[in-house]
Amino acid sequence: MFTVDAGRLSEAKEAGLTQPVDLVSLQKAIPSQYRDPGNHWFGLTMRSRIVYASKERVKQNSITYEELADPKWKGKICIRSGQHVYNTSLTATIIAHKGEAFTEAMVEGVKGQPGARSQSGGDREQARDIYSGKMRSGRRQHLLHGADGDRNEKNPEQKQLGAAVKPLFPERQ
């Protein structure tokens, strides 16, 4: 089974869809932090949760996740629900690295911004909202940027969306 996120892997394990795999070669090749302690899943690849921003309206070229709580983004962010597995995974990671108090303040800062809104639809709809001017930035999967770019011959409208946004890879320590 291939899936998109460690949260999805945990859901699959909890649903009884996995079983332990006892292969020494996998255990040697994949460090313990990238696999389930019971060997129910092994992480083979990683991807970034990045911020996409309007090339036209956002001048900065770097950002931190924490910065999304800054009042300068008031009413300018669209993001999936905090209960979405992508965001619960990200929040858990920030807790692990920065602690609960820091993470709670950051999440409350993003959530408490008047005008901040949940995106409707998926990541491409988020790019559409940025392109149309409804939002200045949002968070999405980095692998979708190439699908929206100038090589997308099947969906020419995606070329405009891809050309209108720039990826900001959040700085982490």
C-alpha atoms as a PDB file:
ATOM      1  CA  MET A   1       0.000   0.000   0.000  1.00  0.00           C
ATOM      2  CA  PHE A   2       1.328   3.414  -0.936  1.00  0.00           C
ATOM      3  CA  THR A   3      -0.168   6.513   0.652  1.00  0.00           C
ATOM      4  CA  VAL A   4       0.627  10.180   1.023  1.00  0.00           C
ATOM      5  CA  ASP A   5       1.298  10.847   4.668  1.00  0.00           C
ATOM      6  CA  ALA A   6       2.422   9.338   7.968  1.00  0.00           C
ATOM      7  CA  GLY A   7      -1.031  10.189   9.315  1.00  0.00           C
ATOM      8  CA  ARG A   8      -2.613   8.049   6.602  1.00  0.00           C
ATOM      9  CA  LEU A   9      -0.213   5.219   7.453  1.00  0.00           C
ATOM     10  CA  SER A  10      -1.271   5.381  11.107  1.00  0.00           C
ATOM     11  CA  GLU A  11      -4.936   5.387  10.071  1.00  0.00           C
ATOM     12  CA  ALA A  12      -4.362   2.297   7.911  1.00  0.00           C
ATOM     13  CA  LYS A  13      -2.654   0.498  10.792  1.00  0.00           C
ATOM     14  CA  GLU A  14      -5.448   1.430  13.226  1.00  0.00           C
ATOM     15  CA  ALA A  15      -8.041   0.190  10.715  1.00  0.00           C
ATOM     16  CA  GLY A  16      -6.303  -3.200  10.588  1.00  0.00           C
ATOM     17  CA  LEU A  17      -5.210  -2.818   6.966  1.00  0.00           C
ATOM     18  CA  THR A  18      -1.540  -3.550   7.676  1.00  0.00           C
ATOM     19  CA  GLN A  19       0.483  -6.357   9.153  1.00  0.00           C
ATOM     20  CA  PRO A  20       4.050  -6.489  10.421  1.00  0.00           C
ATOM     21  CA  VAL A  21       6.788  -7.068   7.863  1.00  0.00           C
ATOM     22  CA  ASP A  22       9.877  -8.754   9.237  1.00  0.00           C
ATOM     23  CA  LEU A  23      12.551  -8.057   6.650  1.00  0.00           C
ATOM     24  CA  VAL A  24      16.014  -7.312   7.974  1.00  0.00           C
ATOM     25  CA  SER A  25      16.870  -5.575   4.692  1.00  0.00           C
ATOM     26  CA  LEU A  26      14.087  -2.998   5.235  1.00  0.00           C
ATOM     27  CA  GLN A  27      15.051  -2.492   8.868  1.00  0.00           C
ATOM     28  CA  LYS A  28      18.678  -1.872   7.857  1.00  0.00           C
ATOM     29  CA  ALA A  29      17.818   0.395   4.938  1.00  0.00           C
ATOM     30  CA  ILE A  30      15.173   2.558   6.636  1.00  0.00           C
ATOM     31  CA  PRO A  31      16.076   4.375   9.873  1.00  0.00           C
ATOM     32  CA  SER A  32      13.732   3.740  12.800  1.00  0.00           C
ATOM     33  CA  GLN A  33      12.284   7.266  12.751  1.00  0.00           C
ATOM     34  CA  TYR A  34      10.901   6.535   9.258  1.00  0.00           C
ATOM     35  CA  ARG A  35       9.113   3.298  10.092  1.00  0.00           C
ATOM     36  CA  ASP A  36       6.465   2.009  12.445  1.00  0.00           C
ATOM     37  CA  PRO A  37       7.897   0.551  15.704  1.00  0.00           C
ATOM     38  CA  GLY A  38       5.994  -2.660  14.969  1.00  0.00           C
ATOM     39  CA  ASN A  39       7.140  -2.708  11.315  1.00  0.00           C
ATOM     40  CA  HIS A  40       3.608  -2.198   9.982  1.00  0.00           C
ATOM     41  CA  TRP A  41       4.829   0.514   7.604  1.00  0.00           C
ATOM     42  CA  PHE A  42       8.072   1.897   6.199  1.00  0.00           C
ATOM     43  CA  GLY A  43       8.540   5.422   4.880  1.00  0.00           C
ATOM     44  CA  LEU A  44      10.160   5.314   1.464  1.00  0.00           C
ATOM     45  CA  THR A  45       9.994   8.961   0.416  1.00  0.00           C
ATOM     46  CA  MET A  46       9.435  12.366   1.955  1.00  0.00           C
ATOM     47  CA  ARG A  47       7.782  15.505   0.711  1.00  0.00           C
ATOM     48  CA  SER A  48       7.481  18.999   1.982  1.00  0.00           C
ATOM     49  CA  ARG A  49       4.431  20.799   3.276  1.00  0.00           C
ATOM     50  CA  ILE A  50       5.113  24.154   1.766  1.00  0.00           C
ATOM     51  CA  VAL A  51       3.436  27.510   1.490  1.00  0.00           C
ATOM     52  CA  TYR A  52       2.348  28.765  -1.906  1.00  0.00           C
ATOM     53  CA  ALA A  53       2.079  32.482  -2.389  1.00  0.00           C
ATOM     54  CA  SER A  54       1.043  34.889  -5.081  1.00  0.00           C
ATOM     55  CA  LYS A  55       4.048  35.975  -7.120  1.00  0.00           C
ATOM     56  CA  GLU A  56       2.339  39.294  -7.675  1.00  0.00           C
ATOM     57  CA  ARG A  57       1.172  40.138  -4.143  1.00  0.00           C
ATOM     58  CA  VAL A  58       3.759  38.486  -1.868  1.00  0.00           C
ATOM     59  CA  LYS A  59       7.290  39.830  -2.116  1.00  0.00           C
ATOM     60  CA  GLN A  60       9.075  37.618   0.411  1.00  0.00           C
ATOM     61  CA  ASN A  61      10.841  34.478  -0.741  1.00  0.00           C
ATOM     62  CA  SER A  62      10.981  32.568   2.538  1.00  0.00           C
ATOM     63  CA  ILE A  63       8.662  31.907   5.450  1.00  0.00           C
ATOM     64  CA  THR A  64       8.275  29.836   8.590  1.00  0.00           C
ATOM     65  CA  TYR A  65       5.163  27.959   9.634  1.00  0.00           C
ATOM     66  CA  GLU A  66       5.173  30.094  12.763  1.00  0.00           C
ATOM     67  CA  GLU A  67       5.003  33.250  10.664  1.00  0.00           C
ATOM     68  CA  LEU A  68       1.563  32.246   9.403  1.00  0.00           C
ATOM     69  CA  ALA A  69       0.250  33.385  12.818  1.00  0.00           C
ATOM     70  CA  ASP A  70       1.587  36.920  12.186  1.00  0.00           C
ATOM     71  CA  PRO A  71      -1.205  39.519  11.904  1.00  0.00           C
ATOM     72  CA  LYS A  72       0.210  40.645   8.533  1.00  0.00           C
ATOM     73  CA  TRP A  73      -1.437  37.527   7.069  1.00  0.00           C
ATOM     74  CA  LYS A  74      -4.836  38.485   8.509  1.00  0.00           C
ATOM     75  CA  GLY A  75      -7.511  37.387   6.035  1.00  0.00           C
ATOM     76  CA  LYS A  76      -4.893  36.271   3.521  1.00  0.00           C
ATOM     77  CA  ILE A  77      -4.418  32.569   4.310  1.00  0.00           C
ATOM     78  CA  CYS A  78      -6.394  29.576   3.182  1.00  0.00           C
ATOM     79  CA  ILE A  79      -5.609  26.227   4.707  1.00  0.00           C
ATOM     80  CA  ARG A  80      -7.286  22.890   5.204  1.00  0.00           C
ATOM     81  CA  SER A  81      -9.174  22.234   8.435  1.00  0.00           C
ATOM     82  CA  GLY A  82      -7.049  21.808  11.531  1.00  0.00           C
ATOM     83  CA  GLN A  83      -8.617  18.353  11.834  1.00  0.00           C
ATOM     84  CA  HIS A  84      -7.350  17.275   8.395  1.00  0.00           C
ATOM     85  CA  VAL A  85      -4.714  14.570   8.700  1.00  0.00           C
ATOM     86  CA  TYR A  86      -2.151  16.736   6.861  1.00  0.00           C
ATOM     87  CA  ASN A  87      -2.483  19.447   9.489  1.00  0.00           C
ATOM     88  CA  THR A  88      -2.635  17.093  12.459  1.00  0.00           C
ATOM     89  CA  SER A  89       0.621  15.524  11.228  1.00  0.00           C
ATOM     90  CA  LEU A  90       2.246  18.941  10.826  1.00  0.00           C
ATOM     91  CA  THR A  91       0.996  20.062  14.242  1.00  0.00           C
ATOM     92  CA  ALA A  92       2.355  16.904  15.869  1.00  0.00           C
ATOM     93  CA  THR A  93       5.723  17.547  14.245  1.00  0.00           C
ATOM     94  CA  ILE A  94       5.824  21.126  15.522  1.00  0.00           C
ATOM     95  CA  ILE A  95       4.878  19.906  19.023  1.00  0.00           C
ATOM     96  CA  ALA A  96       7.726  17.384  18.903  1.00  0.00           C
ATOM     97  CA  HIS A  97      10.244  20.048  17.887  1.00  0.00           C
ATOM     98  CA  LYS A  98       8.994  23.190  19.608  1.00  0.00           C
ATOM     99  CA  GLY A  99       6.782  21.985  22.473  1.00  0.00           C
ATOM    100  CA  GLU A 100       3.102  22.193  23.263  1.00  0.00           C
ATOM    101  CA  ALA A 101       2.997  25.794  24.524  1.00  0.00           C
ATOM    102  CA  PHE A 102       4.741  27.171  21.442  1.00  0.00           C
ATOM    103  CA  THR A 103       2.556  25.126  19.080  1.00  0.00           C
ATOM    104  CA  GLU A 104      -0.673  26.070  20.825  1.00  0.00           C
ATOM    105  CA  ALA A 105       0.179  29.775  20.569  1.00  0.00           C
ATOM    106  CA  MET A 106       1.047  29.388  16.873  1.00  0.00           C
ATOM    107  CA  VAL A 107      -2.131  27.439  16.038  1.00  0.00           C
ATOM    108  CA  GLU A 108      -4.300  29.901  17.966  1.00  0.00           C
ATOM    109  CA  GLY A 109      -2.618  32.756  16.094  1.00  0.00           C
ATOM    110  CA  VAL A 110      -3.469  31.246  12.715  1.00  0.00           C
ATOM    111  CA  LYS A 111      -6.958  30.156  13.765  1.00  0.00           C
ATOM    112  CA  GLY A 112      -7.778  33.456  15.424  1.00  0.00           C
ATOM    113  CA  GLN A 113      -7.071  35.655  12.440  1.00  0.00           C
ATOM    114  CA  PRO A 114     -10.283  37.311  11.263  1.00  0.00           C
ATOM    115  CA  GLY A 115     -10.766  36.549   7.613  1.00  0.00           C
ATOM    116  CA  ALA A 116      -8.645  33.400   7.606  1.00  0.00           C
ATOM    117  CA  ARG A 117     -10.661  30.673   5.977  1.00  0.00           C
ATOM    118  CA  SER A 118     -10.634  27.015   5.228  1.00  0.00           C
ATOM    119  CA  GLN A 119     -10.001  26.164   1.645  1.00  0.00           C
ATOM    120  CA  SER A 120     -12.730  24.563  -0.363  1.00  0.00           C
ATOM    121  CA  GLY A 121     -11.749  21.586  -2.432  1.00  0.00           C
ATOM    122  CA  GLY A 122      -8.185  20.398  -2.746  1.00  0.00           C
ATOM    123  CA  ASP A 123      -4.781  21.901  -3.279  1.00  0.00           C
ATOM    124  CA  ARG A 124      -5.429  22.987  -6.856  1.00  0.00           C
ATOM    125  CA  GLU A 125      -8.484  24.957  -5.723  1.00  0.00           C
ATOM    126  CA  GLN A 126      -6.197  26.705  -3.258  1.00  0.00           C
ATOM    127  CA  ALA A 127      -3.910  27.737  -6.128  1.00  0.00           C
ATOM    128  CA  ARG A 128      -7.000  28.958  -7.976  1.00  0.00           C
ATOM    129  CA  ASP A 129      -7.958  31.132  -4.965  1.00  0.00           C
ATOM    130  CA  ILE A 130      -4.450  32.610  -4.884  1.00  0.00           C
ATOM    131  CA  TYR A 131      -4.519  33.225  -8.646  1.00  0.00           C
ATOM    132  CA  SER A 132      -7.930  34.924  -8.471  1.00  0.00           C
ATOM    133  CA  GLY A 133      -6.859  37.237  -5.649  1.00  0.00           C
ATOM    134  CA  LYS A 134      -9.093  35.730  -2.946  1.00  0.00           C
ATOM    135  CA  MET A 135      -6.011  34.687  -0.953  1.00  0.00           C
ATOM    136  CA  ARG A 136      -2.347  35.645  -0.883  1.00  0.00           C
ATOM    137  CA  SER A 137      -1.002  32.336   0.351  1.00  0.00           C
ATOM    138  CA  GLY A 138      -1.869  28.809   1.321  1.00  0.00           C
ATOM    139  CA  ARG A 139      -0.288  25.495   2.188  1.00  0.00           C
ATOM    140  CA  ARG A 140      -0.180  22.535  -0.154  1.00  0.00           C
ATOM    141  CA  GLN A 141       1.893  19.585  -1.301  1.00  0.00           C
ATOM    142  CA  HIS A 142       5.067  20.445  -3.173  1.00  0.00           C
ATOM    143  CA  LEU A 143       4.569  17.694  -5.730  1.00  0.00           C
ATOM    144  CA  LEU A 144       1.468  19.403  -7.125  1.00  0.00           C
ATOM    145  CA  HIS A 145       3.419  22.460  -8.233  1.00  0.00           C
ATOM    146  CA  GLY A 146       4.943  20.570 -11.155  1.00  0.00           C
ATOM    147  CA  ALA A 147       1.510  19.281 -12.149  1.00  0.00           C
ATOM    148  CA  ASP A 148       0.248  22.863 -12.299  1.00  0.00           C
ATOM    149  CA  GLY A 149       3.241  24.187 -14.176  1.00  0.00           C
ATOM    150  CA  ASP A 150       4.019  24.845 -17.804  1.00  0.00           C
ATOM    151  CA  ARG A 151       4.272  21.144 -18.695  1.00  0.00           C
ATOM    152  CA  ASN A 152       0.585  20.436 -18.068  1.00  0.00           C
ATOM    153  CA  GLU A 153      -0.783  19.951 -21.584  1.00  0.00           C
ATOM    154  CA  LYS A 154      -3.941  18.092 -20.465  1.00  0.00           C
ATOM    155  CA  ASN A 155      -5.229  21.029 -18.401  1.00  0.00           C
ATOM    156  CA  PRO A 156      -4.021  24.297 -19.943  1.00  0.00           C
ATOM    157  CA  GLU A 157      -5.823  26.386 -17.296  1.00  0.00           C
ATOM    158  CA  GLN A 158      -3.491  24.829 -14.730  1.00  0.00           C
ATOM    159  CA  LYS A 159      -0.576  26.554 -16.479  1.00  0.00           C
ATOM    160  CA  GLN A 160      -1.938  29.937 -15.420  1.00  0.00           C
ATOM    161  CA  LEU A 161      -2.370  28.771 -11.844  1.00  0.00           C
ATOM    162  CA  GLY A 162       1.124  27.317 -11.726  1.00  0.00           C
ATOM    163  CA  ALA A 163       2.627  30.466 -13.192  1.00  0.00           C
ATOM    164  CA  ALA A 164       0.843  32.717 -10.678  1.00  0.00           C
ATOM    165  CA  VAL A 165       2.169  31.104  -7.513  1.00  0.00           C
ATOM    166  CA  LYS A 166       5.599  30.563  -6.056  1.00  0.00           C
ATOM    167  CA  PRO A 167       6.607  27.952  -3.519  1.00  0.00           C
ATOM    168  CA  LEU A 168       7.977  29.126  -0.185  1.00  0.00           C
ATOM    169  CA  PHE A 169       9.740  26.286   1.592  1.00  0.00           C
ATOM    170  CA  PRO A 170       9.228  26.912   5.306  1.00  0.00           C
ATOM    171  CA  GLU A 171      12.474  27.298   7.177  1.00  0.00           C
ATOM    172  CA  ARG A 172      12.918  24.797   9.965  1.00  0.00           C
ATOM    173  CA  GLN A 173      15.583  24.443  12.579  1.00  0.00           C
END
